[in-house]
Amino acid sequence: MDLGLEGKNCVVLGGSRGIGRSIALALAAERANVAICARNEGPLKAAEAEIREKGVKVYAHPCDVADSPGLEAFLDGARDALGGVDVLVHNASAMAVGPDLSDWKASLEVDLMAGVHAAEQVIPWMTEAGGGSILFVSSTSGIEADPMPDYGYTAAKAALIAHAKKLAVMHAPHGIRANAIAPGSIEFPGGIWAMMKEQQPQMYEMARTSIPSGRLGTPEEVADVAAFLVSPRAAWVTGECVSVDGSQHRGMR
């Protein structure tokens, strides 16, 4: 299916590895131009090279999305390099899954407020262009409580879903759609669940057995849904949170 993304200018915050990298590559495979940022330059450059192989425009720049001036500069650079911003995907996460106040602070600054600030900056651009699409990468943790002490992470991911719904209602007259996706436990090399499998196999098995399919998901499975939701093919989908978890959150009930 042609998603109608060819020539669209897409920004992915947290696009160097895992889900974010797969989303960026899925968009590039649809002939969209892609800008990505991340804190670590090594993985960022590697992802940039992969995207460039798709034959599209690519802009990559190191950025700590919790730093508002740095995020603003990255988005300005992405707009200049690509020629506009039609799609914003906020995938960056502090992955602060502990119970401490420092975990709360990191989750709120990176997972939530970076998305709020980025949307606030690009919405006027999208309005001027006649429309656009915003996607927040939330989590099953934002839908159902699990037995992990990730209080701040859970609250931030739930707030992302609520904010997507609010943006969808407020900016529909401007042709702007806003949605969220809620991935479940996703496994990829170097990711948290790959580390859990090696270091805390009991925790890994607890997650695996909570999924009716008996396996963890892949970044590509999340990316396919993300690419569809930001595309013109999903033109009548807005204000939604789509679970991409193999029914894992149902198993939490």
C-alpha atoms as a PDB file:
ATOM      1  CA  MET A   1       0.000   0.000   0.000  1.00  0.00           C
ATOM      2  CA  ASP A   2       1.282   3.450  -0.932  1.00  0.00           C
ATOM      3  CA  LEU A   3       0.849   5.536   2.230  1.00  0.00           C
ATOM      4  CA  GLY A   4       1.081   8.831   0.369  1.00  0.00           C
ATOM      5  CA  LEU A   5       4.117   9.979   2.351  1.00  0.00           C
ATOM      6  CA  GLU A   6       6.430  10.628  -0.587  1.00  0.00           C
ATOM      7  CA  GLY A   7       7.983  14.068  -0.269  1.00  0.00           C
ATOM      8  CA  LYS A   8       6.564  14.664   3.219  1.00  0.00           C
ATOM      9  CA  ASN A   9       8.963  16.122   5.777  1.00  0.00           C
ATOM     10  CA  CYS A  10       9.056  14.098   8.976  1.00  0.00           C
ATOM     11  CA  VAL A  11      10.798  14.681  12.308  1.00  0.00           C
ATOM     12  CA  VAL A  12      11.481  11.821  14.732  1.00  0.00           C
ATOM     13  CA  LEU A  13      12.673  12.750  18.213  1.00  0.00           C
ATOM     14  CA  GLY A  14      14.712   9.885  19.599  1.00  0.00           C
ATOM     15  CA  GLY A  15      15.342   8.364  16.178  1.00  0.00           C
ATOM     16  CA  SER A  16      18.724   6.676  16.491  1.00  0.00           C
ATOM     17  CA  ARG A  17      17.826   3.220  17.795  1.00  0.00           C
ATOM     18  CA  GLY A  18      15.005   0.833  18.597  1.00  0.00           C
ATOM     19  CA  ILE A  19      11.478   2.003  17.856  1.00  0.00           C
ATOM     20  CA  GLY A  20      12.522   5.503  16.793  1.00  0.00           C
ATOM     21  CA  ARG A  21      15.085   4.244  14.289  1.00  0.00           C
ATOM     22  CA  SER A  22      12.568   1.793  12.840  1.00  0.00           C
ATOM     23  CA  ILE A  23       9.954   4.545  12.497  1.00  0.00           C
ATOM     24  CA  ALA A  24      12.466   6.792  10.736  1.00  0.00           C
ATOM     25  CA  LEU A  25      13.422   3.987   8.351  1.00  0.00           C
ATOM     26  CA  ALA A  26       9.768   3.106   7.679  1.00  0.00           C
ATOM     27  CA  LEU A  27       9.054   6.734   6.774  1.00  0.00           C
ATOM     28  CA  ALA A  28      12.119   6.893   4.530  1.00  0.00           C
ATOM     29  CA  ALA A  29      11.029   3.659   2.833  1.00  0.00           C
ATOM     30  CA  GLU A  30       7.830   5.516   1.915  1.00  0.00           C
ATOM     31  CA  ARG A  31      10.010   8.212   0.285  1.00  0.00           C
ATOM     32  CA  ALA A  32       9.494  10.743   3.062  1.00  0.00           C
ATOM     33  CA  ASN A  33      12.323  13.064   4.081  1.00  0.00           C
ATOM     34  CA  VAL A  34      13.409  12.472   7.673  1.00  0.00           C
ATOM     35  CA  ALA A  35      15.078  14.445  10.451  1.00  0.00           C
ATOM     36  CA  ILE A  36      16.238  12.621  13.562  1.00  0.00           C
ATOM     37  CA  CYS A  37      17.843  13.570  16.843  1.00  0.00           C
ATOM     38  CA  ALA A  38      19.299  11.712  19.801  1.00  0.00           C
ATOM     39  CA  ARG A  39      21.805  12.358  22.556  1.00  0.00           C
ATOM     40  CA  ASN A  40      24.486   9.896  21.416  1.00  0.00           C
ATOM     41  CA  GLU A  41      26.202  10.874  18.194  1.00  0.00           C
ATOM     42  CA  GLY A  42      27.487   7.400  17.269  1.00  0.00           C
ATOM     43  CA  PRO A  43      24.122   5.637  16.895  1.00  0.00           C
ATOM     44  CA  LEU A  44      22.690   8.845  15.418  1.00  0.00           C
ATOM     45  CA  LYS A  45      25.245   8.882  12.601  1.00  0.00           C
ATOM     46  CA  ALA A  46      24.665   5.189  11.929  1.00  0.00           C
ATOM     47  CA  ALA A  47      20.903   5.743  11.651  1.00  0.00           C
ATOM     48  CA  GLU A  48      21.493   8.776   9.440  1.00  0.00           C
ATOM     49  CA  ALA A  49      23.524   6.648   7.022  1.00  0.00           C
ATOM     50  CA  GLU A  50      20.791   3.997   6.871  1.00  0.00           C
ATOM     51  CA  ILE A  51      18.142   6.613   6.122  1.00  0.00           C
ATOM     52  CA  ARG A  52      20.296   8.260   3.464  1.00  0.00           C
ATOM     53  CA  GLU A  53      20.522   4.920   1.654  1.00  0.00           C
ATOM     54  CA  LYS A  54      16.773   5.238   0.984  1.00  0.00           C
ATOM     55  CA  GLY A  55      17.515   8.176  -1.320  1.00  0.00           C
ATOM     56  CA  VAL A  56      15.665  10.833   0.669  1.00  0.00           C
ATOM     57  CA  LYS A  57      16.706  14.037   2.402  1.00  0.00           C
ATOM     58  CA  VAL A  58      17.977  13.423   5.916  1.00  0.00           C
ATOM     59  CA  TYR A  59      18.964  15.735   8.737  1.00  0.00           C
ATOM     60  CA  ALA A  60      20.515  14.380  11.924  1.00  0.00           C
ATOM     61  CA  HIS A  61      21.770  16.367  14.875  1.00  0.00           C
ATOM     62  CA  PRO A  62      22.643  15.501  18.484  1.00  0.00           C
ATOM     63  CA  CYS A  63      20.078  16.904  20.892  1.00  0.00           C
ATOM     64  CA  ASP A  64      18.966  16.454  24.482  1.00  0.00           C
ATOM     65  CA  VAL A  65      15.233  16.986  24.070  1.00  0.00           C
ATOM     66  CA  ALA A  66      14.928  17.930  27.753  1.00  0.00           C
ATOM     67  CA  ASP A  67      16.950  21.045  26.905  1.00  0.00           C
ATOM     68  CA  SER A  68      14.297  23.352  25.455  1.00  0.00           C
ATOM     69  CA  PRO A  69      16.682  25.707  23.606  1.00  0.00           C
ATOM     70  CA  GLY A  70      18.506  22.718  22.124  1.00  0.00           C
ATOM     71  CA  LEU A  71      15.236  21.127  21.030  1.00  0.00           C
ATOM     72  CA  GLU A  72      14.071  24.394  19.507  1.00  0.00           C
ATOM     73  CA  ALA A  73      17.337  24.722  17.577  1.00  0.00           C
ATOM     74  CA  PHE A  74      17.062  21.141  16.300  1.00  0.00           C
ATOM     75  CA  LEU A  75      13.511  21.673  15.071  1.00  0.00           C
ATOM     76  CA  ASP A  76      14.488  24.932  13.369  1.00  0.00           C
ATOM     77  CA  GLY A  77      17.395  23.116  11.713  1.00  0.00           C
ATOM     78  CA  ALA A  78      15.145  20.263  10.596  1.00  0.00           C
ATOM     79  CA  ARG A  79      12.662  22.692   9.072  1.00  0.00           C
ATOM     80  CA  ASP A  80      15.395  24.531   7.206  1.00  0.00           C
ATOM     81  CA  ALA A  81      17.089  21.335   5.988  1.00  0.00           C
ATOM     82  CA  LEU A  82      13.947  19.544   4.835  1.00  0.00           C
ATOM     83  CA  GLY A  83      11.888  22.529   3.732  1.00  0.00           C
ATOM     84  CA  GLY A  84       9.116  22.183   6.313  1.00  0.00           C
ATOM     85  CA  VAL A  85       7.643  19.855   8.923  1.00  0.00           C
ATOM     86  CA  ASP A  86       4.586  17.810   7.960  1.00  0.00           C
ATOM     87  CA  VAL A  87       4.965  15.074  10.580  1.00  0.00           C
ATOM     88  CA  LEU A  88       6.254  15.101  14.157  1.00  0.00           C
ATOM     89  CA  VAL A  89       6.929  11.832  15.983  1.00  0.00           C
ATOM     90  CA  HIS A  90       7.963  12.117  19.624  1.00  0.00           C
ATOM     91  CA  ASN A  91       9.658   8.868  20.572  1.00  0.00           C
ATOM     92  CA  ALA A  92      12.346  10.090  22.976  1.00  0.00           C
ATOM     93  CA  SER A  93      12.251   8.595  26.465  1.00  0.00           C
ATOM     94  CA  ALA A  94      14.431   8.872  29.534  1.00  0.00           C
ATOM     95  CA  MET A  95      13.495   5.261  30.342  1.00  0.00           C
ATOM     96  CA  ALA A  96      13.503   6.320  33.985  1.00  0.00           C
ATOM     97  CA  VAL A  97      11.577   3.388  35.360  1.00  0.00           C
ATOM     98  CA  GLY A  98      12.508   3.695  39.035  1.00  0.00           C
ATOM     99  CA  PRO A  99      10.453   5.032  41.954  1.00  0.00           C
ATOM    100  CA  ASP A 100      12.635   7.994  42.931  1.00  0.00           C
ATOM    101  CA  LEU A 101      11.789  11.662  42.458  1.00  0.00           C
ATOM    102  CA  SER A 102      14.726  11.910  40.053  1.00  0.00           C
ATOM    103  CA  ASP A 103      12.964   9.320  37.870  1.00  0.00           C
ATOM    104  CA  TRP A 104       9.797  11.403  37.975  1.00  0.00           C
ATOM    105  CA  LYS A 105      11.739  14.494  36.922  1.00  0.00           C
ATOM    106  CA  ALA A 106      13.485  12.747  34.035  1.00  0.00           C
ATOM    107  CA  SER A 107      10.256  11.161  32.770  1.00  0.00           C
ATOM    108  CA  LEU A 108       8.327  14.410  32.903  1.00  0.00           C
ATOM    109  CA  GLU A 109      11.079  16.417  31.203  1.00  0.00           C
ATOM    110  CA  VAL A 110      11.922  13.942  28.433  1.00  0.00           C
ATOM    111  CA  ASP A 111       8.887  11.737  27.877  1.00  0.00           C
ATOM    112  CA  LEU A 112       6.225  14.393  28.377  1.00  0.00           C
ATOM    113  CA  MET A 113       7.418  17.987  28.200  1.00  0.00           C
ATOM    114  CA  ALA A 114       9.725  17.470  25.226  1.00  0.00           C
ATOM    115  CA  GLY A 115       6.673  16.333  23.271  1.00  0.00           C
ATOM    116  CA  VAL A 116       4.663  19.289  24.537  1.00  0.00           C
ATOM    117  CA  HIS A 117       7.389  21.768  23.569  1.00  0.00           C
ATOM    118  CA  ALA A 118       7.986  20.179  20.158  1.00  0.00           C
ATOM    119  CA  ALA A 119       4.285  20.192  19.297  1.00  0.00           C
ATOM    120  CA  GLU A 120       3.967  23.802  20.409  1.00  0.00           C
ATOM    121  CA  GLN A 121       6.778  24.771  18.036  1.00  0.00           C
ATOM    122  CA  VAL A 122       5.655  22.848  14.944  1.00  0.00           C
ATOM    123  CA  ILE A 123       1.905  23.423  15.154  1.00  0.00           C
ATOM    124  CA  PRO A 124       2.136  27.001  13.803  1.00  0.00           C
ATOM    125  CA  TRP A 125       4.225  25.699  10.896  1.00  0.00           C
ATOM    126  CA  MET A 126       1.690  22.965  10.187  1.00  0.00           C
ATOM    127  CA  THR A 127      -1.184  25.440  10.459  1.00  0.00           C
ATOM    128  CA  GLU A 128       0.474  27.741   7.947  1.00  0.00           C
ATOM    129  CA  ALA A 129       1.039  24.791   5.585  1.00  0.00           C
ATOM    130  CA  GLY A 130      -2.586  23.652   5.841  1.00  0.00           C
ATOM    131  CA  GLY A 131      -2.161  20.644   8.094  1.00  0.00           C
ATOM    132  CA  GLY A 132       0.096  18.003   9.556  1.00  0.00           C
ATOM    133  CA  SER A 133       0.298  14.977  11.790  1.00  0.00           C
ATOM    134  CA  ILE A 134       1.636  14.516  15.317  1.00  0.00           C
ATOM    135  CA  LEU A 135       2.320  11.142  16.917  1.00  0.00           C
ATOM    136  CA  PHE A 136       3.362  10.524  20.516  1.00  0.00           C
ATOM    137  CA  VAL A 137       4.960   7.188  21.362  1.00  0.00           C
ATOM    138  CA  SER A 138       3.425   6.292  24.715  1.00  0.00           C
ATOM    139  CA  SER A 139       3.393   2.814  26.314  1.00  0.00           C
ATOM    140  CA  THR A 140       1.103   0.126  27.636  1.00  0.00           C
ATOM    141  CA  SER A 141       2.227   1.485  31.012  1.00  0.00           C
ATOM    142  CA  GLY A 142       0.182   4.583  30.225  1.00  0.00           C
ATOM    143  CA  ILE A 143      -2.950   2.462  29.723  1.00  0.00           C
ATOM    144  CA  GLU A 144      -2.819  -0.191  32.437  1.00  0.00           C
ATOM    145  CA  ALA A 145      -0.935  -0.397  35.721  1.00  0.00           C
ATOM    146  CA  ASP A 146       1.737  -3.071  35.906  1.00  0.00           C
ATOM    147  CA  PRO A 147       3.666  -4.404  38.913  1.00  0.00           C
ATOM    148  CA  MET A 148       6.733  -2.254  38.169  1.00  0.00           C
ATOM    149  CA  PRO A 149       7.795   0.726  40.350  1.00  0.00           C
ATOM    150  CA  ASP A 150       7.802   3.050  37.321  1.00  0.00           C
ATOM    151  CA  TYR A 151       5.504   5.723  38.763  1.00  0.00           C
ATOM    152  CA  GLY A 152       6.840   8.736  36.880  1.00  0.00           C
ATOM    153  CA  TYR A 153       7.228   6.843  33.600  1.00  0.00           C
ATOM    154  CA  THR A 154       3.642   5.588  33.826  1.00  0.00           C
ATOM    155  CA  ALA A 155       2.269   9.043  34.624  1.00  0.00           C
ATOM    156  CA  ALA A 156       4.225  10.694  31.800  1.00  0.00           C
ATOM    157  CA  LYS A 157       3.106   8.118  29.235  1.00  0.00           C
ATOM    158  CA  ALA A 158      -0.526   8.465  30.314  1.00  0.00           C
ATOM    159  CA  ALA A 159      -0.252  12.243  30.033  1.00  0.00           C
ATOM    160  CA  LEU A 160       1.070  11.898  26.475  1.00  0.00           C
ATOM    161  CA  ILE A 161      -2.077  10.035  25.485  1.00  0.00           C
ATOM    162  CA  ALA A 162      -4.277  12.708  27.045  1.00  0.00           C
ATOM    163  CA  HIS A 163      -2.301  15.481  25.379  1.00  0.00           C
ATOM    164  CA  ALA A 164      -2.632  13.849  21.960  1.00  0.00           C
ATOM    165  CA  LYS A 165      -6.400  13.769  22.423  1.00  0.00           C
ATOM    166  CA  LYS A 166      -6.484  17.433  23.432  1.00  0.00           C
ATOM    167  CA  LEU A 167      -4.334  18.504  20.480  1.00  0.00           C
ATOM    168  CA  ALA A 168      -6.561  16.508  18.123  1.00  0.00           C
ATOM    169  CA  VAL A 169      -9.659  18.379  19.274  1.00  0.00           C
ATOM    170  CA  MET A 170      -8.088  21.814  19.439  1.00  0.00           C
ATOM    171  CA  HIS A 171      -6.287  21.709  16.095  1.00  0.00           C
ATOM    172  CA  ALA A 172      -8.614  19.682  13.871  1.00  0.00           C
ATOM    173  CA  PRO A 173      -9.908  22.943  12.308  1.00  0.00           C
ATOM    174  CA  HIS A 174      -6.322  23.597  11.163  1.00  0.00           C
ATOM    175  CA  GLY A 175      -6.028  20.229   9.437  1.00  0.00           C
ATOM    176  CA  ILE A 176      -3.734  18.846  12.128  1.00  0.00           C
ATOM    177  CA  ARG A 177      -4.168  15.307  13.445  1.00  0.00           C
ATOM    178  CA  ALA A 178      -2.696  14.040  16.712  1.00  0.00           C
ATOM    179  CA  ASN A 179      -2.533  10.444  17.888  1.00  0.00           C
ATOM    180  CA  ALA A 180      -0.584   8.220  20.251  1.00  0.00           C
ATOM    181  CA  ILE A 181       0.604   4.662  20.062  1.00  0.00           C
ATOM    182  CA  ALA A 182       1.165   2.424  23.062  1.00  0.00           C
ATOM    183  CA  PRO A 183       3.814  -0.209  22.395  1.00  0.00           C
ATOM    184  CA  GLY A 184       4.155  -3.083  24.804  1.00  0.00           C
ATOM    185  CA  SER A 185       7.409  -4.865  25.638  1.00  0.00           C
ATOM    186  CA  ILE A 186       9.589  -4.467  22.546  1.00  0.00           C
ATOM    187  CA  GLU A 187      12.864  -6.329  22.153  1.00  0.00           C
ATOM    188  CA  PHE A 188      15.869  -5.224  20.092  1.00  0.00           C
ATOM    189  CA  PRO A 189      19.674  -5.506  20.479  1.00  0.00           C
ATOM    190  CA  GLY A 190      20.921  -3.137  23.161  1.00  0.00           C
ATOM    191  CA  GLY A 191      17.406  -2.349  24.358  1.00  0.00           C
ATOM    192  CA  ILE A 192      16.086  -2.662  27.882  1.00  0.00           C
ATOM    193  CA  TRP A 193      14.355  -6.001  27.263  1.00  0.00           C
ATOM    194  CA  ALA A 194      17.442  -7.517  25.650  1.00  0.00           C
ATOM    195  CA  MET A 195      19.359  -6.525  28.785  1.00  0.00           C
ATOM    196  CA  MET A 196      16.584  -7.890  30.993  1.00  0.00           C
ATOM    197  CA  LYS A 197      16.786 -11.207  29.163  1.00  0.00           C
ATOM    198  CA  GLU A 198      20.462 -11.477  30.094  1.00  0.00           C
ATOM    199  CA  GLN A 199      20.517  -9.854  33.523  1.00  0.00           C
ATOM    200  CA  GLN A 200      17.019 -10.424  34.946  1.00  0.00           C
ATOM    201  CA  PRO A 201      15.578 -13.453  33.136  1.00  0.00           C
ATOM    202  CA  GLN A 202      12.723 -13.815  35.626  1.00  0.00           C
ATOM    203  CA  MET A 203      11.521 -10.280  34.852  1.00  0.00           C
ATOM    204  CA  TYR A 204      11.850 -10.981  31.130  1.00  0.00           C
ATOM    205  CA  GLU A 205       9.804 -14.159  31.450  1.00  0.00           C
ATOM    206  CA  MET A 206       7.148 -12.321  33.446  1.00  0.00           C
ATOM    207  CA  ALA A 207       6.764  -9.888  30.551  1.00  0.00           C
ATOM    208  CA  ARG A 208       6.857 -12.593  27.880  1.00  0.00           C
ATOM    209  CA  THR A 209       4.212 -14.723  29.564  1.00  0.00           C
ATOM    210  CA  SER A 210       1.943 -11.687  29.979  1.00  0.00           C
ATOM    211  CA  ILE A 211       1.653 -11.527  26.181  1.00  0.00           C
ATOM    212  CA  PRO A 212      -0.897 -13.964  24.732  1.00  0.00           C
ATOM    213  CA  SER A 213       1.340 -14.616  21.701  1.00  0.00           C
ATOM    214  CA  GLY A 214       4.149 -15.722  24.003  1.00  0.00           C
ATOM    215  CA  ARG A 215       6.782 -13.376  22.594  1.00  0.00           C
ATOM    216  CA  LEU A 216       7.887  -9.760  22.749  1.00  0.00           C
ATOM    217  CA  GLY A 217       7.262  -7.370  19.895  1.00  0.00           C
ATOM    218  CA  THR A 218       9.725  -5.928  17.394  1.00  0.00           C
ATOM    219  CA  PRO A 219      10.455  -2.264  16.577  1.00  0.00           C
ATOM    220  CA  GLU A 220       9.409  -2.881  12.986  1.00  0.00           C
ATOM    221  CA  GLU A 221       5.936  -3.995  14.091  1.00  0.00           C
ATOM    222  CA  VAL A 222       5.524  -0.702  15.935  1.00  0.00           C
ATOM    223  CA  ALA A 223       6.990   1.318  13.056  1.00  0.00           C
ATOM    224  CA  ASP A 224       4.490  -0.061  10.537  1.00  0.00           C
ATOM    225  CA  VAL A 225       1.601   1.194  12.660  1.00  0.00           C
ATOM    226  CA  ALA A 226       3.297   4.542  13.257  1.00  0.00           C
ATOM    227  CA  ALA A 227       3.919   5.125   9.553  1.00  0.00           C
ATOM    228  CA  PHE A 228       0.283   4.409   8.747  1.00  0.00           C
ATOM    229  CA  LEU A 229      -1.059   6.696  11.476  1.00  0.00           C
ATOM    230  CA  VAL A 230       0.973   9.713  10.368  1.00  0.00           C
ATOM    231  CA  SER A 231       0.150   9.127   6.698  1.00  0.00           C
ATOM    232  CA  PRO A 232      -2.703  10.534   4.598  1.00  0.00           C
ATOM    233  CA  ARG A 233      -4.139   6.988   4.540  1.00  0.00           C
ATOM    234  CA  ALA A 234      -5.157   7.581   8.178  1.00  0.00           C
ATOM    235  CA  ALA A 235      -6.727  10.947   7.411  1.00  0.00           C
ATOM    236  CA  TRP A 236      -9.843  10.227   9.497  1.00  0.00           C
ATOM    237  CA  VAL A 237      -7.957   8.906  12.523  1.00  0.00           C
ATOM    238  CA  THR A 238      -7.197  11.495  15.172  1.00  0.00           C
ATOM    239  CA  GLY A 239      -7.382  11.724  18.949  1.00  0.00           C
ATOM    240  CA  GLU A 240      -6.735   7.992  19.261  1.00  0.00           C
ATOM    241  CA  CYS A 241      -4.279   5.827  21.174  1.00  0.00           C
ATOM    242  CA  VAL A 242      -3.510   2.626  19.298  1.00  0.00           C
ATOM    243  CA  SER A 243      -2.050  -0.258  21.283  1.00  0.00           C
ATOM    244  CA  VAL A 244       0.750  -2.128  19.546  1.00  0.00           C
ATOM    245  CA  ASP A 245       1.413  -4.824  22.086  1.00  0.00           C
ATOM    246  CA  GLY A 246       0.041  -8.181  20.966  1.00  0.00           C
ATOM    247  CA  SER A 247      -2.783  -7.679  23.476  1.00  0.00           C
ATOM    248  CA  GLN A 248      -0.295  -7.467  26.348  1.00  0.00           C
ATOM    249  CA  HIS A 249      -2.238  -4.782  28.202  1.00  0.00           C
ATOM    250  CA  ARG A 250      -5.341  -6.985  28.112  1.00  0.00           C
ATOM    251  CA  GLY A 251      -3.345  -9.615  29.953  1.00  0.00           C
ATOM    252  CA  MET A 252      -2.571  -7.102  32.704  1.00  0.00           C
ATOM    253  CA  ARG A 253      -6.210  -6.812  33.681  1.00  0.00           C
END
